Amino acid sequence: MKIYLLAASSLLLCLGLVLAQNAAVTGLWLAKGVNRTIKLTLNESAGMLSGTLEGMGETFSLNGRLTGMKAEGTATSPNGEAYFMLEIRKDVLSLTLANYNEAGTPDLKNGVTVQLERDFGPKAQTGFTVPGFAPPPEDPLIATWRNSSLVLTLKSNGANKYTGTIEIAKQKASLTATGNPSNLKGSFKLGKTNKTFSAKLEVDRLRFVMDGKTQILGRVR
């Protein structure tokens, strides 16, 4: 949806309004707190908003329509699509993410809302937590990871040792693994077949390699 400005006596005045709005929306927005840091980078062009959201469990690409200081659209991640809406008031941006329900409409009742501020330096919100998001464990591998093909759950079994489960094509198996976020190796038995895998943590994503194929898994909140 393009923004149509009311007719003004001066084209320069209209241009000034557009530039002011763009400056108020675009750029880097941050929420720093006790359980995670969320980073939102926004760009605007001809009433269309795009950007990248990091720190909400996975990385989202945002694309939507801007109307004044409000926008809504689609947030896309390796795990699929969600709905987003945002509103900017002065230097505070309120962002809501929600899954789509079976009817294809946003499930706002079960959505997650966070507030971000302009990146004006090291200022951080104190006591900030995101409802629905637990503080990340000391070992960032300990979590459930998934994409459309598989679900991987890792639990600590001592220093650099892990147990867990893997689910592929509705088949679930127990696994063991050793290593660290930079170099994890594991194995499991699926049916009568022994399988091995390796994995590497990349921010909020897990690069998972098995049978010579690489898959990207997102952290499940």
N, C-alpha and C. Protein backbone atom coordinates (compact mmCIF):
# COMPACT_ATOMS: atom_id res chain seq x y z
N MET A 1 0.85 -1.17 0.00
CA MET A 1 0.00 0.00 0.00
C MET A 1 0.89 1.23 0.00
N LYS A 2 0.78 2.08 -1.01
CA LYS A 2 1.58 3.29 -1.08
C LYS A 2 0.95 4.37 -0.22
N ILE A 3 1.78 5.25 0.29
CA ILE A 3 1.30 6.34 1.11
C ILE A 3 1.00 7.52 0.20
N TYR A 4 -0.26 7.98 0.18
CA TYR A 4 -0.65 9.13 -0.62
C TYR A 4 -0.78 10.34 0.30
N LEU A 5 0.06 11.33 0.10
CA LEU A 5 0.02 12.52 0.92
C LEU A 5 -1.08 13.45 0.44
N LEU A 6 -1.66 14.20 1.39
CA LEU A 6 -2.67 15.19 1.02
C LEU A 6 -2.02 16.28 0.18
N ALA A 7 -2.78 16.82 -0.72
CA ALA A 7 -2.26 17.88 -1.58
C ALA A 7 -1.81 19.05 -0.72
N ALA A 8 -0.65 19.60 -1.04
CA ALA A 8 -0.11 20.74 -0.31
C ALA A 8 0.26 21.81 -1.31
N SER A 9 0.42 22.99 -0.80
CA SER A 9 0.72 24.10 -1.70
C SER A 9 2.15 24.05 -2.18
N SER A 10 2.96 23.24 -1.54
CA SER A 10 4.38 23.19 -1.91
C SER A 10 4.83 21.75 -2.04
N LEU A 11 5.45 21.40 -3.18
CA LEU A 11 6.02 20.07 -3.36
C LEU A 11 7.14 19.84 -2.36
N LEU A 12 7.87 20.90 -2.01
CA LEU A 12 8.94 20.78 -1.04
C LEU A 12 8.41 20.36 0.32
N LEU A 13 7.25 20.85 0.70
CA LEU A 13 6.64 20.47 1.96
C LEU A 13 6.32 18.99 1.96
N CYS A 14 5.76 18.48 0.87
CA CYS A 14 5.45 17.05 0.77
C CYS A 14 6.72 16.21 0.89
N LEU A 15 7.75 16.63 0.21
CA LEU A 15 9.00 15.89 0.25
C LEU A 15 9.56 15.87 1.68
N GLY A 16 9.44 16.98 2.37
CA GLY A 16 9.92 17.04 3.74
C GLY A 16 9.17 16.08 4.64
N LEU A 17 7.85 15.95 4.44
CA LEU A 17 7.06 15.02 5.24
C LEU A 17 7.50 13.58 4.99
N VAL A 18 7.74 13.23 3.73
CA VAL A 18 8.16 11.87 3.39
C VAL A 18 9.50 11.56 4.02
N LEU A 19 10.47 12.48 3.90
CA LEU A 19 11.79 12.24 4.46
C LEU A 19 11.74 12.10 5.98
N ALA A 20 10.89 12.90 6.62
CA ALA A 20 10.77 12.81 8.07
C ALA A 20 10.23 11.47 8.49
N GLN A 21 9.24 10.97 7.74
CA GLN A 21 8.66 9.68 8.08
C GLN A 21 9.67 8.56 7.87
N ASN A 22 10.39 8.61 6.75
CA ASN A 22 11.39 7.58 6.49
C ASN A 22 12.44 7.54 7.60
N ALA A 23 12.90 8.71 8.04
CA ALA A 23 13.91 8.77 9.07
C ALA A 23 13.38 8.22 10.39
N ALA A 24 12.08 8.37 10.64
CA ALA A 24 11.49 7.91 11.88
C ALA A 24 11.30 6.40 11.90
N VAL A 25 11.32 5.76 10.73
CA VAL A 25 11.06 4.32 10.64
C VAL A 25 12.34 3.53 10.40
N THR A 26 13.14 3.96 9.46
CA THR A 26 14.28 3.16 9.04
C THR A 26 15.40 3.19 10.07
N GLY A 27 16.26 2.18 9.97
CA GLY A 27 17.41 2.13 10.85
C GLY A 27 17.37 0.94 11.79
N LEU A 28 18.18 1.03 12.83
CA LEU A 28 18.35 -0.08 13.78
C LEU A 28 17.57 0.17 15.05
N TRP A 29 16.82 -0.85 15.48
CA TRP A 29 16.07 -0.82 16.73
C TRP A 29 16.54 -1.97 17.60
N LEU A 30 16.68 -1.72 18.91
CA LEU A 30 17.22 -2.73 19.81
C LEU A 30 16.37 -2.88 21.07
N ALA A 31 16.37 -4.09 21.58
CA ALA A 31 15.85 -4.38 22.91
C ALA A 31 16.89 -5.24 23.61
N LYS A 32 17.56 -4.67 24.59
CA LYS A 32 18.61 -5.39 25.30
C LYS A 32 18.12 -5.72 26.70
N GLY A 33 18.30 -6.94 27.12
CA GLY A 33 17.79 -7.28 28.42
C GLY A 33 18.42 -8.51 29.03
N VAL A 34 17.75 -9.05 30.04
CA VAL A 34 18.35 -10.10 30.83
C VAL A 34 18.33 -11.46 30.15
N ASN A 35 17.44 -11.67 29.20
CA ASN A 35 17.39 -13.00 28.63
C ASN A 35 17.68 -13.06 27.13
N ARG A 36 17.87 -11.94 26.48
CA ARG A 36 18.25 -11.95 25.08
C ARG A 36 18.38 -10.52 24.57
N THR A 37 19.01 -10.36 23.44
CA THR A 37 19.05 -9.08 22.74
C THR A 37 18.34 -9.24 21.42
N ILE A 38 17.41 -8.35 21.15
CA ILE A 38 16.64 -8.40 19.91
C ILE A 38 17.07 -7.22 19.05
N LYS A 39 17.35 -7.52 17.80
CA LYS A 39 17.80 -6.49 16.86
C LYS A 39 16.86 -6.46 15.66
N LEU A 40 16.35 -5.28 15.33
CA LEU A 40 15.45 -5.10 14.19
C LEU A 40 16.02 -4.01 13.30
N THR A 41 16.29 -4.38 12.05
CA THR A 41 16.79 -3.42 11.06
C THR A 41 15.70 -3.20 10.02
N LEU A 42 15.30 -1.95 9.82
CA LEU A 42 14.19 -1.64 8.93
C LEU A 42 14.62 -0.74 7.78
N ASN A 43 14.02 -0.99 6.62
CA ASN A 43 14.19 -0.15 5.44
C ASN A 43 12.82 0.13 4.85
N GLU A 44 12.67 1.33 4.28
CA GLU A 44 11.38 1.72 3.68
C GLU A 44 11.59 2.25 2.28
N SER A 45 10.70 1.87 1.36
CA SER A 45 10.76 2.38 0.00
C SER A 45 9.35 2.41 -0.58
N ALA A 46 8.90 3.61 -0.94
CA ALA A 46 7.60 3.79 -1.58
C ALA A 46 6.46 3.14 -0.78
N GLY A 47 6.50 3.26 0.52
CA GLY A 47 5.43 2.73 1.35
C GLY A 47 5.55 1.26 1.68
N MET A 48 6.60 0.60 1.18
CA MET A 48 6.81 -0.81 1.50
C MET A 48 7.94 -0.93 2.51
N LEU A 49 7.72 -1.75 3.53
CA LEU A 49 8.68 -1.92 4.60
C LEU A 49 9.35 -3.28 4.50
N SER A 50 10.66 -3.31 4.68
CA SER A 50 11.40 -4.57 4.70
C SER A 50 12.40 -4.50 5.84
N GLY A 51 12.86 -5.65 6.28
CA GLY A 51 13.83 -5.64 7.36
C GLY A 51 14.22 -7.03 7.80
N THR A 52 15.07 -7.06 8.83
CA THR A 52 15.56 -8.31 9.40
C THR A 52 15.40 -8.26 10.91
N LEU A 53 14.85 -9.33 11.47
CA LEU A 53 14.64 -9.43 12.91
C LEU A 53 15.48 -10.58 13.44
N GLU A 54 16.34 -10.30 14.41
CA GLU A 54 17.20 -11.31 15.02
C GLU A 54 17.00 -11.33 16.53
N GLY A 55 17.08 -12.53 17.11
CA GLY A 55 17.01 -12.63 18.56
C GLY A 55 15.70 -13.15 19.10
N MET A 56 14.75 -13.49 18.23
CA MET A 56 13.47 -14.03 18.67
C MET A 56 13.43 -15.55 18.49
N GLY A 57 14.58 -16.18 18.66
CA GLY A 57 14.65 -17.62 18.52
C GLY A 57 15.13 -18.06 17.16
N GLU A 58 14.96 -17.21 16.16
CA GLU A 58 15.44 -17.48 14.82
C GLU A 58 15.48 -16.15 14.08
N THR A 59 16.00 -16.14 12.88
CA THR A 59 16.10 -14.91 12.10
C THR A 59 14.92 -14.81 11.14
N PHE A 60 14.23 -13.67 11.17
CA PHE A 60 13.07 -13.43 10.32
C PHE A 60 13.39 -12.35 9.30
N SER A 61 12.86 -12.52 8.09
CA SER A 61 12.86 -11.46 7.08
C SER A 61 11.47 -10.85 7.05
N LEU A 62 11.38 -9.53 7.25
CA LEU A 62 10.08 -8.86 7.31
C LEU A 62 9.79 -8.15 6.01
N ASN A 63 8.55 -8.28 5.54
CA ASN A 63 8.10 -7.56 4.36
C ASN A 63 6.64 -7.17 4.58
N GLY A 64 6.35 -5.88 4.44
CA GLY A 64 4.97 -5.45 4.68
C GLY A 64 4.69 -4.07 4.13
N ARG A 65 3.55 -3.54 4.54
CA ARG A 65 3.09 -2.24 4.09
C ARG A 65 3.15 -1.25 5.24
N LEU A 66 3.59 -0.06 4.93
CA LEU A 66 3.73 1.00 5.92
C LEU A 66 2.65 2.04 5.70
N THR A 67 1.93 2.36 6.76
CA THR A 67 0.92 3.42 6.73
C THR A 67 1.17 4.32 7.92
N GLY A 68 1.70 5.50 7.66
CA GLY A 68 2.06 6.38 8.75
C GLY A 68 3.16 5.75 9.58
N MET A 69 2.92 5.63 10.87
CA MET A 69 3.89 5.01 11.77
C MET A 69 3.49 3.59 12.14
N LYS A 70 2.64 2.97 11.33
CA LYS A 70 2.23 1.59 11.57
C LYS A 70 2.54 0.75 10.33
N ALA A 71 2.78 -0.54 10.55
CA ALA A 71 3.04 -1.46 9.44
C ALA A 71 2.57 -2.85 9.82
N GLU A 72 2.26 -3.64 8.82
CA GLU A 72 1.94 -5.04 9.02
C GLU A 72 2.36 -5.81 7.79
N GLY A 73 2.59 -7.12 7.98
CA GLY A 73 3.01 -7.93 6.86
C GLY A 73 3.41 -9.32 7.30
N THR A 74 4.37 -9.90 6.58
CA THR A 74 4.78 -11.29 6.81
C THR A 74 6.21 -11.35 7.30
N ALA A 75 6.43 -12.17 8.32
CA ALA A 75 7.77 -12.44 8.85
C ALA A 75 8.14 -13.87 8.45
N THR A 76 9.15 -14.03 7.62
CA THR A 76 9.53 -15.33 7.07
C THR A 76 10.83 -15.82 7.69
N SER A 77 10.83 -17.08 8.12
CA SER A 77 12.02 -17.72 8.69
C SER A 77 12.20 -19.07 8.01
N PRO A 78 13.29 -19.78 8.31
CA PRO A 78 13.45 -21.12 7.73
C PRO A 78 12.33 -22.08 8.10
N ASN A 79 11.59 -21.77 9.17
CA ASN A 79 10.51 -22.65 9.60
C ASN A 79 9.15 -22.28 9.03
N GLY A 80 9.07 -21.22 8.25
CA GLY A 80 7.78 -20.84 7.67
C GLY A 80 7.50 -19.37 7.83
N GLU A 81 6.20 -19.03 7.85
CA GLU A 81 5.79 -17.64 7.87
C GLU A 81 4.96 -17.33 9.11
N ALA A 82 5.10 -16.11 9.60
CA ALA A 82 4.29 -15.60 10.69
C ALA A 82 3.82 -14.20 10.30
N TYR A 83 2.89 -13.68 11.08
CA TYR A 83 2.37 -12.33 10.86
C TYR A 83 3.09 -11.36 11.78
N PHE A 84 3.34 -10.15 11.29
CA PHE A 84 3.88 -9.13 12.18
C PHE A 84 3.10 -7.83 12.01
N MET A 85 3.06 -7.08 13.08
CA MET A 85 2.58 -5.70 13.00
C MET A 85 3.43 -4.87 13.95
N LEU A 86 3.62 -3.61 13.59
CA LEU A 86 4.42 -2.74 14.43
C LEU A 86 3.84 -1.33 14.42
N GLU A 87 4.18 -0.61 15.48
CA GLU A 87 3.77 0.78 15.60
C GLU A 87 4.89 1.55 16.28
N ILE A 88 5.19 2.73 15.76
CA ILE A 88 6.26 3.55 16.29
C ILE A 88 5.67 4.81 16.92
N ARG A 89 6.05 5.02 18.17
CA ARG A 89 5.67 6.24 18.87
C ARG A 89 6.93 6.87 19.43
N LYS A 90 7.30 8.01 18.86
CA LYS A 90 8.54 8.68 19.19
C LYS A 90 9.71 7.73 18.94
N ASP A 91 10.44 7.37 19.99
CA ASP A 91 11.60 6.49 19.80
C ASP A 91 11.35 5.09 20.33
N VAL A 92 10.09 4.68 20.44
CA VAL A 92 9.75 3.34 20.90
C VAL A 92 8.95 2.63 19.82
N LEU A 93 9.39 1.42 19.48
CA LEU A 93 8.71 0.62 18.46
C LEU A 93 8.12 -0.62 19.14
N SER A 94 6.82 -0.81 19.01
CA SER A 94 6.14 -2.00 19.52
C SER A 94 5.96 -2.99 18.38
N LEU A 95 6.48 -4.20 18.56
CA LEU A 95 6.43 -5.22 17.51
C LEU A 95 5.70 -6.44 18.03
N THR A 96 4.75 -6.94 17.25
CA THR A 96 4.01 -8.16 17.59
C THR A 96 4.23 -9.20 16.52
N LEU A 97 4.55 -10.44 16.94
CA LEU A 97 4.66 -11.59 16.05
C LEU A 97 3.57 -12.58 16.43
N ALA A 98 2.91 -13.15 15.44
CA ALA A 98 1.86 -14.13 15.71
C ALA A 98 1.82 -15.16 14.60
N ASN A 99 1.56 -16.41 14.96
CA ASN A 99 1.38 -17.46 13.97
C ASN A 99 0.02 -17.30 13.29
N TYR A 100 -0.10 -17.86 12.11
CA TYR A 100 -1.39 -17.91 11.44
C TYR A 100 -2.16 -19.14 11.93
N ASN A 101 -3.47 -18.97 12.12
CA ASN A 101 -4.28 -20.11 12.52
C ASN A 101 -4.75 -20.88 11.30
N GLU A 102 -5.58 -21.91 11.51
CA GLU A 102 -6.02 -22.76 10.41
C GLU A 102 -6.83 -22.00 9.37
N ALA A 103 -7.45 -20.91 9.80
CA ALA A 103 -8.24 -20.10 8.87
C ALA A 103 -7.38 -19.13 8.08
N GLY A 104 -6.07 -19.10 8.39
CA GLY A 104 -5.18 -18.23 7.66
C GLY A 104 -5.13 -16.81 8.19
N THR A 105 -5.68 -16.57 9.38
CA THR A 105 -5.64 -15.25 10.00
C THR A 105 -4.69 -15.27 11.19
N PRO A 106 -4.11 -14.12 11.55
CA PRO A 106 -3.13 -14.09 12.65
C PRO A 106 -3.77 -14.44 14.00
N ASP A 107 -3.10 -15.28 14.75
CA ASP A 107 -3.55 -15.66 16.09
C ASP A 107 -2.95 -14.67 17.09
N LEU A 108 -3.50 -13.45 17.12
CA LEU A 108 -2.94 -12.38 17.94
C LEU A 108 -3.06 -12.68 19.43
N LYS A 109 -4.05 -13.46 19.81
CA LYS A 109 -4.24 -13.77 21.23
C LYS A 109 -3.02 -14.49 21.80
N ASN A 110 -2.36 -15.30 20.99
CA ASN A 110 -1.19 -16.05 21.43
C ASN A 110 0.10 -15.50 20.84
N GLY A 111 0.06 -14.26 20.38
CA GLY A 111 1.25 -13.65 19.82
C GLY A 111 2.20 -13.16 20.90
N VAL A 112 3.36 -12.70 20.48
CA VAL A 112 4.40 -12.16 21.37
C VAL A 112 4.66 -10.72 20.98
N THR A 113 4.65 -9.82 21.96
CA THR A 113 4.88 -8.40 21.72
C THR A 113 6.12 -7.95 22.48
N VAL A 114 6.99 -7.22 21.81
CA VAL A 114 8.18 -6.65 22.46
C VAL A 114 8.27 -5.18 22.07
N GLN A 115 8.99 -4.43 22.88
CA GLN A 115 9.23 -3.03 22.60
C GLN A 115 10.71 -2.81 22.37
N LEU A 116 11.04 -2.09 21.32
CA LEU A 116 12.42 -1.81 20.97
C LEU A 116 12.63 -0.31 20.94
N GLU A 117 13.89 0.09 21.12
CA GLU A 117 14.24 1.50 21.12
C GLU A 117 15.29 1.78 20.06
N ARG A 118 15.40 3.04 19.71
CA ARG A 118 16.42 3.45 18.76
C ARG A 118 17.81 3.09 19.29
N ASP A 119 18.71 2.77 18.37
CA ASP A 119 20.09 2.47 18.76
C ASP A 119 20.85 3.78 18.94
N PHE A 120 20.67 4.38 20.12
CA PHE A 120 21.35 5.63 20.42
C PHE A 120 22.56 5.39 21.31
N GLY A 121 23.23 4.26 21.10
CA GLY A 121 24.41 3.97 21.89
C GLY A 121 24.18 2.80 22.82
N PRO A 122 24.90 2.76 23.94
CA PRO A 122 24.87 1.57 24.80
C PRO A 122 23.67 1.49 25.73
N LYS A 123 22.73 2.42 25.63
CA LYS A 123 21.57 2.39 26.53
C LYS A 123 20.84 1.06 26.41
N ALA A 124 20.53 0.43 27.54
CA ALA A 124 19.85 -0.86 27.54
C ALA A 124 18.68 -0.82 28.51
N GLN A 125 17.64 -1.53 28.16
CA GLN A 125 16.52 -1.66 29.06
C GLN A 125 16.93 -2.61 30.19
N THR A 126 16.57 -2.29 31.42
CA THR A 126 16.93 -3.13 32.54
C THR A 126 15.74 -4.01 32.92
N GLY A 127 16.04 -5.25 33.32
CA GLY A 127 14.97 -6.15 33.72
C GLY A 127 14.09 -6.57 32.57
N PHE A 128 14.58 -6.46 31.36
CA PHE A 128 13.75 -6.76 30.19
C PHE A 128 13.67 -8.26 29.94
N THR A 129 12.48 -8.80 29.80
CA THR A 129 12.28 -10.19 29.40
C THR A 129 11.22 -10.25 28.33
N VAL A 130 11.28 -11.27 27.51
CA VAL A 130 10.29 -11.47 26.47
C VAL A 130 9.32 -12.55 26.92
N PRO A 131 8.05 -12.23 27.14
CA PRO A 131 7.09 -13.27 27.54
C PRO A 131 7.07 -14.41 26.53
N GLY A 132 7.12 -15.64 27.04
CA GLY A 132 7.10 -16.79 26.16
C GLY A 132 8.47 -17.27 25.74
N PHE A 133 9.50 -16.52 26.12
CA PHE A 133 10.87 -16.90 25.77
C PHE A 133 11.67 -17.07 27.06
N ALA A 134 12.11 -18.29 27.35
CA ALA A 134 12.91 -18.54 28.53
C ALA A 134 14.33 -18.04 28.30
N PRO A 135 15.05 -17.64 29.37
CA PRO A 135 16.45 -17.26 29.19
C PRO A 135 17.24 -18.39 28.55
N PRO A 136 18.10 -18.10 27.60
CA PRO A 136 18.87 -19.16 26.95
C PRO A 136 19.77 -19.86 27.95
N PRO A 137 19.94 -21.16 27.85
CA PRO A 137 20.81 -21.89 28.78
C PRO A 137 22.26 -21.50 28.56
N GLU A 138 23.10 -21.84 29.54
CA GLU A 138 24.51 -21.54 29.40
C GLU A 138 25.08 -22.23 28.16
N ASP A 139 24.64 -23.44 27.89
CA ASP A 139 25.05 -24.15 26.67
C ASP A 139 23.97 -23.90 25.61
N PRO A 140 24.27 -23.12 24.58
CA PRO A 140 23.25 -22.77 23.60
C PRO A 140 22.75 -23.94 22.75
N LEU A 141 23.44 -25.08 22.80
CA LEU A 141 22.99 -26.25 22.05
C LEU A 141 21.79 -26.92 22.71
N ILE A 142 21.64 -26.73 24.02
CA ILE A 142 20.58 -27.42 24.75
C ILE A 142 19.24 -26.76 24.41
N ALA A 143 18.52 -27.38 23.52
CA ALA A 143 17.26 -26.83 23.03
C ALA A 143 16.63 -27.85 22.09
N THR A 144 15.46 -27.51 21.61
CA THR A 144 14.83 -28.26 20.52
C THR A 144 14.97 -27.45 19.24
N TRP A 145 15.43 -28.11 18.19
CA TRP A 145 15.68 -27.47 16.89
C TRP A 145 14.83 -28.17 15.85
N ARG A 146 14.34 -27.41 14.87
CA ARG A 146 13.48 -28.06 13.88
C ARG A 146 13.45 -27.27 12.57
N ASN A 147 13.05 -27.98 11.53
CA ASN A 147 12.60 -27.39 10.27
C ASN A 147 11.45 -28.25 9.78
N SER A 148 11.10 -28.14 8.53
CA SER A 148 9.95 -28.89 8.02
C SER A 148 10.22 -30.38 7.88
N SER A 149 11.50 -30.80 7.97
CA SER A 149 11.86 -32.19 7.74
C SER A 149 12.17 -32.98 9.00
N LEU A 150 12.71 -32.31 10.02
CA LEU A 150 13.11 -33.06 11.21
C LEU A 150 13.05 -32.20 12.46
N VAL A 151 13.03 -32.89 13.61
CA VAL A 151 13.04 -32.24 14.92
C VAL A 151 14.17 -32.85 15.73
N LEU A 152 15.05 -32.02 16.27
CA LEU A 152 16.21 -32.47 17.03
C LEU A 152 16.16 -31.85 18.42
N THR A 153 16.24 -32.69 19.45
CA THR A 153 16.27 -32.21 20.83
C THR A 153 17.57 -32.64 21.49
N LEU A 154 18.28 -31.68 22.07
CA LEU A 154 19.55 -31.96 22.72
C LEU A 154 19.47 -31.64 24.21
N LYS A 155 19.98 -32.56 25.04
CA LYS A 155 20.05 -32.38 26.48
C LYS A 155 21.47 -32.66 26.95
N SER A 156 21.87 -31.99 28.02
CA SER A 156 23.23 -32.18 28.54
C SER A 156 23.38 -33.55 29.19
N ASN A 157 24.54 -34.17 28.94
CA ASN A 157 24.87 -35.44 29.58
C ASN A 157 26.29 -35.35 30.18
N GLY A 158 26.64 -34.14 30.65
CA GLY A 158 27.98 -33.90 31.14
C GLY A 158 28.73 -32.96 30.23
N ALA A 159 29.95 -32.64 30.58
CA ALA A 159 30.76 -31.71 29.80
C ALA A 159 30.96 -32.20 28.37
N ASN A 160 30.50 -31.43 27.41
CA ASN A 160 30.66 -31.73 25.98
C ASN A 160 30.01 -33.05 25.57
N LYS A 161 29.03 -33.51 26.35
CA LYS A 161 28.31 -34.73 26.01
C LYS A 161 26.81 -34.44 26.01
N TYR A 162 26.11 -35.09 25.08
CA TYR A 162 24.69 -34.81 24.92
C TYR A 162 23.90 -36.10 24.68
N THR A 163 22.66 -36.08 25.12
CA THR A 163 21.69 -37.08 24.72
C THR A 163 20.49 -36.34 24.14
N GLY A 164 19.55 -37.08 23.61
CA GLY A 164 18.38 -36.42 23.07
C GLY A 164 17.61 -37.32 22.14
N THR A 165 16.81 -36.70 21.30
CA THR A 165 16.00 -37.44 20.34
C THR A 165 16.03 -36.75 18.99
N ILE A 166 15.74 -37.52 17.97
CA ILE A 166 15.59 -36.97 16.63
C ILE A 166 14.36 -37.61 16.00
N GLU A 167 13.58 -36.80 15.31
CA GLU A 167 12.36 -37.28 14.65
C GLU A 167 12.41 -36.94 13.17
N ILE A 168 12.34 -37.97 12.34
CA ILE A 168 12.40 -37.81 10.89
C ILE A 168 11.27 -38.63 10.28
N ALA A 169 10.45 -37.98 9.46
CA ALA A 169 9.36 -38.68 8.77
C ALA A 169 8.53 -39.51 9.76
N LYS A 170 8.19 -38.89 10.89
CA LYS A 170 7.36 -39.49 11.93
C LYS A 170 8.02 -40.68 12.63
N GLN A 171 9.32 -40.88 12.39
CA GLN A 171 10.08 -41.88 13.12
C GLN A 171 10.97 -41.17 14.13
N LYS A 172 10.94 -41.64 15.38
CA LYS A 172 11.67 -40.99 16.45
C LYS A 172 12.71 -41.93 17.02
N ALA A 173 13.91 -41.42 17.29
CA ALA A 173 14.99 -42.24 17.80
C ALA A 173 15.79 -41.47 18.84
N SER A 174 16.43 -42.20 19.76
CA SER A 174 17.32 -41.60 20.75
C SER A 174 18.69 -41.38 20.12
N LEU A 175 19.40 -40.35 20.57
CA LEU A 175 20.71 -40.05 20.02
C LEU A 175 21.71 -39.75 21.13
N THR A 176 22.96 -39.84 20.79
CA THR A 176 24.06 -39.39 21.63
C THR A 176 24.97 -38.52 20.78
N ALA A 177 25.64 -37.56 21.42
CA ALA A 177 26.53 -36.67 20.68
C ALA A 177 27.62 -36.13 21.60
N THR A 178 28.70 -35.70 20.99
CA THR A 178 29.80 -35.07 21.73
C THR A 178 30.28 -33.87 20.94
N GLY A 179 30.90 -32.92 21.65
CA GLY A 179 31.46 -31.76 20.97
C GLY A 179 31.06 -30.46 21.62
N ASN A 180 30.95 -29.42 20.80
CA ASN A 180 30.63 -28.07 21.26
C ASN A 180 29.85 -27.35 20.17
N PRO A 181 29.42 -26.10 20.42
CA PRO A 181 28.63 -25.40 19.41
C PRO A 181 29.30 -25.25 18.05
N SER A 182 30.63 -25.30 18.01
CA SER A 182 31.34 -25.15 16.74
C SER A 182 31.55 -26.47 16.02
N ASN A 183 31.47 -27.58 16.75
CA ASN A 183 31.75 -28.88 16.14
C ASN A 183 31.07 -29.98 16.95
N LEU A 184 29.85 -30.30 16.58
CA LEU A 184 29.08 -31.33 17.27
C LEU A 184 28.96 -32.55 16.36
N LYS A 185 29.20 -33.74 16.92
CA LYS A 185 29.06 -34.98 16.16
C LYS A 185 28.22 -35.95 16.97
N GLY A 186 27.31 -36.65 16.28
CA GLY A 186 26.43 -37.57 17.00
C GLY A 186 26.00 -38.74 16.14
N SER A 187 25.26 -39.64 16.79
CA SER A 187 24.78 -40.82 16.08
C SER A 187 23.47 -41.29 16.70
N PHE A 188 22.72 -42.07 15.92
CA PHE A 188 21.47 -42.65 16.38
C PHE A 188 21.12 -43.83 15.47
N LYS A 189 20.15 -44.60 15.89
CA LYS A 189 19.71 -45.74 15.11
C LYS A 189 18.24 -45.54 14.75
N LEU A 190 17.98 -45.44 13.46
CA LEU A 190 16.63 -45.24 12.96
C LEU A 190 16.18 -46.54 12.29
N GLY A 191 15.28 -47.25 12.97
CA GLY A 191 14.92 -48.57 12.49
C GLY A 191 16.10 -49.50 12.66
N LYS A 192 16.58 -50.06 11.58
CA LYS A 192 17.76 -50.92 11.61
C LYS A 192 19.00 -50.24 11.05
N THR A 193 18.87 -48.94 10.78
CA THR A 193 19.97 -48.22 10.14
C THR A 193 20.67 -47.31 11.13
N ASN A 194 22.00 -47.44 11.21
CA ASN A 194 22.80 -46.55 12.03
C ASN A 194 23.12 -45.27 11.25
N LYS A 195 22.89 -44.13 11.89
CA LYS A 195 23.10 -42.84 11.24
C LYS A 195 24.08 -42.01 12.05
N THR A 196 24.86 -41.19 11.36
CA THR A 196 25.73 -40.21 12.02
C THR A 196 25.40 -38.82 11.48
N PHE A 197 25.71 -37.81 12.28
CA PHE A 197 25.45 -36.44 11.86
C PHE A 197 26.48 -35.51 12.50
N SER A 198 26.57 -34.33 11.95
CA SER A 198 27.37 -33.27 12.54
C SER A 198 26.54 -32.00 12.54
N ALA A 199 26.91 -31.06 13.40
CA ALA A 199 26.15 -29.82 13.48
C ALA A 199 27.04 -28.68 13.95
N LYS A 200 26.64 -27.46 13.60
CA LYS A 200 27.38 -26.26 13.98
C LYS A 200 26.39 -25.15 14.26
N LEU A 201 26.54 -24.47 15.39
CA LEU A 201 25.65 -23.39 15.77
C LEU A 201 26.03 -22.11 15.03
N GLU A 202 25.04 -21.46 14.43
CA GLU A 202 25.24 -20.18 13.73
C GLU A 202 24.21 -19.19 14.27
N VAL A 203 24.58 -18.46 15.31
CA VAL A 203 23.70 -17.50 16.00
C VAL A 203 22.48 -18.25 16.52
N ASP A 204 21.30 -18.03 15.94
CA ASP A 204 20.08 -18.71 16.40
C ASP A 204 19.70 -19.87 15.49
N ARG A 205 20.62 -20.33 14.66
CA ARG A 205 20.33 -21.44 13.75
C ARG A 205 21.35 -22.56 13.96
N LEU A 206 20.95 -23.76 13.62
CA LEU A 206 21.84 -24.92 13.72
C LEU A 206 22.01 -25.50 12.32
N ARG A 207 23.26 -25.52 11.86
CA ARG A 207 23.56 -26.11 10.56
C ARG A 207 23.78 -27.61 10.78
N PHE A 208 22.87 -28.42 10.26
CA PHE A 208 22.82 -29.86 10.53
C PHE A 208 23.17 -30.61 9.25
N VAL A 209 24.16 -31.52 9.33
CA VAL A 209 24.62 -32.26 8.16
C VAL A 209 24.46 -33.75 8.41
N MET A 210 23.75 -34.43 7.49
CA MET A 210 23.57 -35.88 7.59
C MET A 210 23.42 -36.45 6.18
N ASP A 211 24.04 -37.58 5.93
CA ASP A 211 23.98 -38.22 4.62
C ASP A 211 24.44 -37.28 3.51
N GLY A 212 25.40 -36.41 3.84
CA GLY A 212 25.94 -35.50 2.85
C GLY A 212 25.04 -34.32 2.52
N LYS A 213 23.93 -34.18 3.23
CA LYS A 213 23.00 -33.08 2.98
C LYS A 213 22.97 -32.13 4.17
N THR A 214 22.92 -30.84 3.87
CA THR A 214 22.90 -29.81 4.91
C THR A 214 21.50 -29.24 5.06
N GLN A 215 21.06 -29.14 6.30
CA GLN A 215 19.78 -28.53 6.61
C GLN A 215 19.98 -27.46 7.68
N ILE A 216 19.13 -26.44 7.65
CA ILE A 216 19.18 -25.36 8.63
C ILE A 216 17.99 -25.53 9.58
N LEU A 217 18.29 -25.63 10.88
CA LEU A 217 17.25 -25.82 11.88
C LEU A 217 17.13 -24.56 12.73
N GLY A 218 15.90 -24.23 13.09
CA GLY A 218 15.66 -23.09 13.96
C GLY A 218 15.34 -23.53 15.36
N ARG A 219 15.68 -22.70 16.34
CA ARG A 219 15.41 -23.02 17.73
C ARG A 219 13.90 -22.91 18.01
N VAL A 220 13.35 -23.90 18.67
CA VAL A 220 11.94 -23.89 19.03
C VAL A 220 11.80 -23.22 20.38
N ARG A 221 10.92 -22.22 20.48
CA ARG A 221 10.74 -21.54 21.76
C ARG A 221 9.70 -22.24 22.60
